[in-house]
Protein backbone atom coordinates (compact mmCIF):
# COMPACT_ATOMS: atom_id res chain seq x y z
CA MET A 1 -19.77 -45.30 -11.89
CA ARG A 2 -20.18 -43.77 -8.52
CA PRO A 3 -23.86 -43.71 -7.81
CA GLU A 4 -25.58 -40.15 -7.24
CA SER A 5 -26.07 -40.71 -3.26
CA THR A 6 -22.56 -40.85 -2.84
CA LEU A 7 -21.56 -37.82 -4.49
CA ASP A 8 -20.73 -35.83 -1.03
CA GLY A 9 -18.17 -33.58 -0.71
CA VAL A 10 -16.35 -30.36 -1.83
CA LEU A 11 -15.20 -30.02 -5.26
CA PRO A 12 -12.52 -27.22 -5.88
CA ILE A 13 -12.76 -25.38 -9.29
CA ASP A 14 -10.70 -22.96 -10.99
CA LYS A 15 -13.31 -20.73 -12.56
CA ALA A 16 -12.69 -19.07 -15.91
CA SER A 17 -12.84 -15.51 -16.87
CA GLY A 18 -16.53 -14.80 -18.48
CA MET A 19 -18.73 -17.32 -15.83
CA THR A 20 -20.90 -17.10 -13.47
CA SER A 21 -20.77 -18.78 -10.32
CA HIS A 22 -23.96 -19.78 -11.27
CA ASP A 23 -22.73 -20.93 -14.60
CA VAL A 24 -20.01 -23.40 -13.29
CA VAL A 25 -22.74 -24.70 -10.79
CA ALA A 26 -25.41 -25.57 -14.05
CA ILE A 27 -22.58 -27.39 -15.96
CA VAL A 28 -21.83 -29.57 -12.63
CA ARG A 29 -25.09 -30.10 -11.88
CA ARG A 30 -25.58 -31.52 -15.96
CA VAL A 31 -22.57 -33.00 -16.34
CA LEU A 32 -22.40 -35.20 -12.49
CA ASN A 33 -26.46 -35.67 -13.03
CA THR A 34 -26.72 -34.54 -9.85
CA LYS A 35 -28.74 -31.81 -8.39
CA LYS A 36 -27.66 -30.82 -4.88
CA VAL A 37 -24.78 -28.59 -5.79
CA GLY A 38 -23.76 -25.35 -4.24
CA HIS A 39 -21.08 -23.03 -4.14
CA CYS A 40 -18.92 -21.21 -1.43
CA GLY A 41 -18.80 -17.46 -2.22
CA THR A 42 -19.63 -15.53 -5.53
CA LEU A 43 -16.66 -14.85 -8.32
CA ASP A 44 -17.77 -12.05 -10.35
CA PRO A 45 -17.61 -12.98 -14.00
CA MET A 46 -14.48 -11.37 -14.80
CA ALA A 47 -12.97 -12.80 -11.77
CA THR A 48 -11.04 -16.24 -12.28
CA GLY A 49 -9.65 -18.83 -9.67
CA LEU A 50 -10.97 -21.30 -6.66
CA LEU A 51 -14.53 -21.46 -6.66
CA LEU A 52 -15.39 -24.52 -3.79
CA LEU A 53 -18.52 -26.41 -4.94
CA THR A 54 -20.49 -28.37 -2.30
CA LEU A 55 -21.98 -31.71 -3.03
CA GLY A 56 -24.82 -33.86 -1.54
CA ARG A 57 -24.38 -33.69 2.00
CA GLY A 58 -21.03 -30.91 1.69
CA THR A 59 -24.19 -28.62 1.38
CA LYS A 60 -24.27 -28.83 4.94
CA ILE A 61 -20.77 -27.15 5.70
CA GLN A 62 -21.50 -24.41 2.88
CA ASP A 63 -22.28 -21.72 5.59
CA LEU A 64 -18.97 -22.91 7.32
CA LEU A 65 -16.51 -22.83 4.19
CA MET A 66 -18.12 -19.87 3.18
CA SER A 67 -17.02 -17.84 6.37
CA GLU A 68 -13.06 -18.69 5.80
CA ASP A 69 -10.58 -16.19 4.67
CA LYS A 70 -9.67 -15.63 1.08
CA GLU A 71 -6.67 -14.89 -0.52
CA TYR A 72 -6.59 -12.85 -4.06
CA VAL A 73 -4.25 -11.28 -6.40
CA GLY A 74 -5.43 -8.50 -8.78
CA THR A 75 -4.60 -5.80 -10.41
CA LEU A 76 -6.19 -2.44 -10.61
CA LYS A 77 -5.81 0.64 -12.79
CA LEU A 78 -5.63 3.88 -11.68
CA GLY A 79 -7.15 7.35 -13.29
CA GLU A 80 -10.48 5.25 -14.32
CA THR A 81 -13.40 4.65 -12.35
CA THR A 82 -16.38 2.65 -13.56
CA ASP A 83 -20.16 2.64 -12.43
CA SER A 84 -19.16 -1.48 -11.06
CA GLN A 85 -15.99 -0.92 -9.78
CA ASP A 86 -14.46 -3.37 -12.21
CA ALA A 87 -13.44 -3.44 -15.65
CA ASP A 88 -17.22 -4.85 -17.08
CA GLY A 89 -18.54 -1.79 -15.89
CA GLU A 90 -19.06 2.02 -17.88
CA ILE A 91 -16.14 4.48 -17.10
CA THR A 92 -17.71 7.08 -14.95
CA SER A 93 -14.64 9.35 -14.94
CA THR A 94 -11.23 9.51 -16.11
CA ASN A 95 -7.95 11.43 -14.18
CA PRO A 96 -4.54 12.35 -14.80
CA ILE A 97 -2.37 10.13 -12.54
CA PRO A 98 0.05 12.07 -10.23
CA GLU A 99 3.38 11.00 -10.32
CA LEU A 100 3.44 8.40 -7.58
CA SER A 101 6.22 7.08 -5.61
CA ALA A 102 6.42 3.48 -4.11
CA GLU A 103 6.12 4.92 -0.57
CA GLN A 104 2.74 6.41 -1.86
CA LEU A 105 1.34 3.29 -3.29
CA GLU A 106 2.56 1.49 -0.27
CA THR A 107 0.69 3.86 2.44
CA ALA A 108 -2.38 4.08 -0.29
CA PHE A 109 -2.80 0.22 0.29
CA ALA A 110 -1.73 -0.08 4.10
CA LYS A 111 -3.95 1.92 5.26
CA TYR A 112 -7.04 -0.65 4.73
CA ASP A 113 -4.67 -3.26 6.90
CA GLY A 114 -7.11 -4.49 9.89
CA ASP A 115 -10.56 -3.88 10.86
CA PHE A 116 -12.76 -1.39 8.92
CA TYR A 117 -15.73 -0.71 7.70
CA GLN A 118 -16.87 -1.28 4.09
CA THR A 119 -19.24 0.41 1.91
CA PRO A 120 -20.60 -2.86 -0.50
CA PRO A 121 -20.86 -1.45 -4.07
CA MET A 122 -24.36 -0.97 -5.81
CA VAL A 123 -23.37 -3.36 -8.17
CA SER A 124 -23.41 -6.36 -6.07
CA ALA A 125 -25.74 -9.31 -5.01
CA ILE A 126 -26.54 -7.95 -1.97
CA LYS A 127 -30.41 -7.59 -1.52
CA LYS A 128 -32.66 -4.82 -0.61
CA ASP A 129 -36.32 -5.81 0.54
CA GLY A 130 -35.67 -9.05 -1.43
CA VAL A 131 -34.05 -7.83 -4.74
CA ALA A 132 -30.66 -7.76 -5.62
CA LEU A 133 -28.64 -4.65 -5.55
CA TYR A 134 -27.31 -5.10 -9.00
CA LYS A 135 -30.52 -5.17 -10.34
CA LEU A 136 -31.81 -2.10 -8.68
CA ALA A 137 -28.42 -0.46 -10.49
CA ARG A 138 -29.06 -1.53 -13.81
CA GLN A 139 -32.67 0.78 -13.41
CA GLY A 140 -30.31 3.48 -12.74
CA LYS A 141 -31.19 3.51 -8.99
CA THR A 142 -28.65 4.19 -6.08
CA ILE A 143 -29.74 3.23 -2.41
CA GLU A 144 -27.81 3.52 0.76
CA ARG A 145 -25.83 0.37 1.72
CA GLU A 146 -25.06 -0.79 5.31
CA PRO A 147 -21.12 -0.74 5.64
CA ARG A 148 -19.64 -3.93 6.65
CA PHE A 149 -17.16 -4.86 9.31
CA VAL A 150 -14.43 -6.40 7.37
CA HIS A 151 -10.38 -7.28 7.86
CA ILE A 152 -7.65 -7.34 5.73
CA TYR A 153 -4.63 -9.91 7.41
CA ALA A 154 -2.00 -8.93 4.73
CA HIS A 155 -1.55 -6.97 1.28
CA GLN A 156 1.35 -7.41 -0.90
CA ILE A 157 2.02 -4.65 -4.09
CA LEU A 158 3.64 -6.96 -6.69
CA GLY A 159 4.36 -4.68 -9.30
CA THR A 160 3.42 -1.58 -10.60
CA ARG A 161 3.20 -0.60 -14.40
CA LEU A 162 1.57 2.61 -14.17
CA PRO A 163 -1.28 3.18 -14.70
CA GLU A 164 -1.75 -0.62 -13.62
CA VAL A 165 -0.44 -2.07 -9.79
CA ASP A 166 -0.66 -5.54 -9.03
CA PHE A 167 -1.12 -6.87 -5.74
CA ARG A 168 -2.10 -9.56 -3.10
CA VAL A 169 -4.73 -9.40 -0.44
CA VAL A 170 -5.62 -11.79 2.56
CA CYS A 171 -9.09 -10.56 3.72
CA SER A 172 -12.22 -11.99 5.44
CA LYS A 173 -15.38 -12.92 4.28
CA GLY A 174 -17.71 -10.10 2.64
CA PHE A 175 -14.88 -8.40 1.40
CA TYR A 176 -15.21 -6.65 -2.30
CA VAL A 177 -12.05 -6.56 -3.84
CA ARG A 178 -13.55 -4.31 -6.72
CA THR A 179 -14.45 -1.84 -3.57
CA TYR A 180 -10.80 -2.10 -2.22
CA ALA A 181 -9.47 -1.08 -5.55
CA HIS A 182 -11.75 1.88 -5.79
CA ASP A 183 -11.16 3.05 -2.53
CA ILE A 184 -7.39 3.21 -2.88
CA GLY A 185 -7.98 5.06 -6.33
CA HIS A 186 -9.85 7.96 -4.47
CA ASP A 187 -7.14 8.32 -1.72
CA LEU A 188 -4.38 8.43 -4.35
CA GLY A 189 -6.81 11.45 -6.16
CA CYS A 190 -7.31 9.77 -9.27
CA GLY A 191 -9.63 7.00 -9.08
CA ALA A 192 -9.31 3.56 -10.08
CA HIS A 193 -11.16 0.43 -10.91
CA LEU A 194 -10.14 -3.29 -10.55
CA ASN A 195 -9.14 -4.59 -13.94
CA ALA A 196 -8.31 -8.12 -13.19
CA LEU A 197 -8.64 -10.55 -10.14
CA ARG A 198 -8.22 -14.27 -9.23
CA ARG A 199 -9.04 -15.91 -6.13
CA THR A 200 -6.06 -18.41 -5.00
CA LYS A 201 -7.03 -19.60 -1.58
CA SER A 202 -9.91 -20.09 0.55
CA GLY A 203 -9.69 -21.42 3.69
CA ARG A 204 -6.68 -23.97 3.77
CA PHE A 205 -7.77 -24.88 0.31
CA ASP A 206 -5.68 -23.58 -2.80
CA VAL A 207 -6.29 -23.15 -6.22
CA GLU A 208 -3.48 -25.68 -7.43
CA MET A 209 -5.95 -28.51 -6.29
CA ALA A 210 -8.69 -27.49 -8.41
CA PHE A 211 -10.42 -28.96 -11.55
CA PRO A 212 -10.43 -26.07 -14.47
CA ALA A 213 -14.02 -24.76 -15.54
CA ASP A 214 -13.14 -24.60 -18.88
CA GLN A 215 -12.68 -28.61 -19.25
CA LEU A 216 -15.51 -29.44 -17.36
CA LYS A 217 -17.85 -29.79 -20.62
CA THR A 218 -15.19 -32.10 -22.17
CA ALA A 219 -13.50 -34.52 -19.33
CA SER A 220 -15.17 -37.74 -18.35
CA ARG A 221 -17.38 -37.92 -15.21
CA GLU A 222 -14.09 -40.26 -13.71
CA GLU A 223 -12.10 -37.22 -14.13
CA ILE A 224 -14.01 -34.56 -12.70
CA LEU A 225 -14.87 -36.57 -9.36
CA ALA A 226 -11.25 -37.34 -9.04
CA LYS A 227 -10.85 -33.78 -7.84
CA LEU A 228 -14.15 -34.23 -5.26
CA LEU A 229 -12.96 -34.23 -1.79
CA THR A 230 -14.79 -36.29 0.76
CA LEU A 231 -16.03 -34.73 3.99
CA PRO A 232 -13.25 -36.24 5.89
CA GLN A 233 -10.83 -35.13 3.48
CA VAL A 234 -11.93 -31.52 3.71
CA SER A 235 -12.21 -31.74 7.98
CA ARG A 236 -8.38 -32.93 7.46
CA ILE A 237 -7.67 -30.14 5.11
CA ARG A 238 -9.27 -27.74 7.51
CA GLY A 239 -7.37 -29.27 10.42
CA ALA A 240 -10.76 -29.68 11.97
């Protein structure tokens, strides 16, 4: 058995829907019997996909890994907005969906390519005076949020089954895909929310190399540690 002192590195996890990122961290701490575990970029409970966990000395490069670009595939649903901008929230408006051509959809998505400022949603982990915004949102409060400078490197419309549109987006850190879906719906005049989301890449790390989160509680310690990337391996993957 590998001693706790050598549990240094990055453990890629494929997060299941319904779990928080903190849930995954707590399970790994318990299963591997180690306290020094962090994660690189929160995934909302409804989202699935790549969640990089840092263990031991790996926590020292957590900020570096969090700063890297991300790739997501998702589905937005036109005609409905929610208070959280995703399917976990309460519906706040319902609108008819106009006849939309492929060109109109592409124009709506393409508007956000490159650099722009994005206003974070109220239901988020961003803190105001030490209090997470989502806690204020639960109290029915809405406060002004500072827009964030973000970047979209690439997007692709993968399929259209109105009211749903499947897409792929490659974006910078700090980017809210549910706000992206909300804003596109606003631009199309009918509103929208994010109905599904999966993180497929973070930097040069791919979800294909990840251990399934729903198997963490039943897998052996050895099976999980077989997916642990050592710090030299992480450096090689990143091309550093």
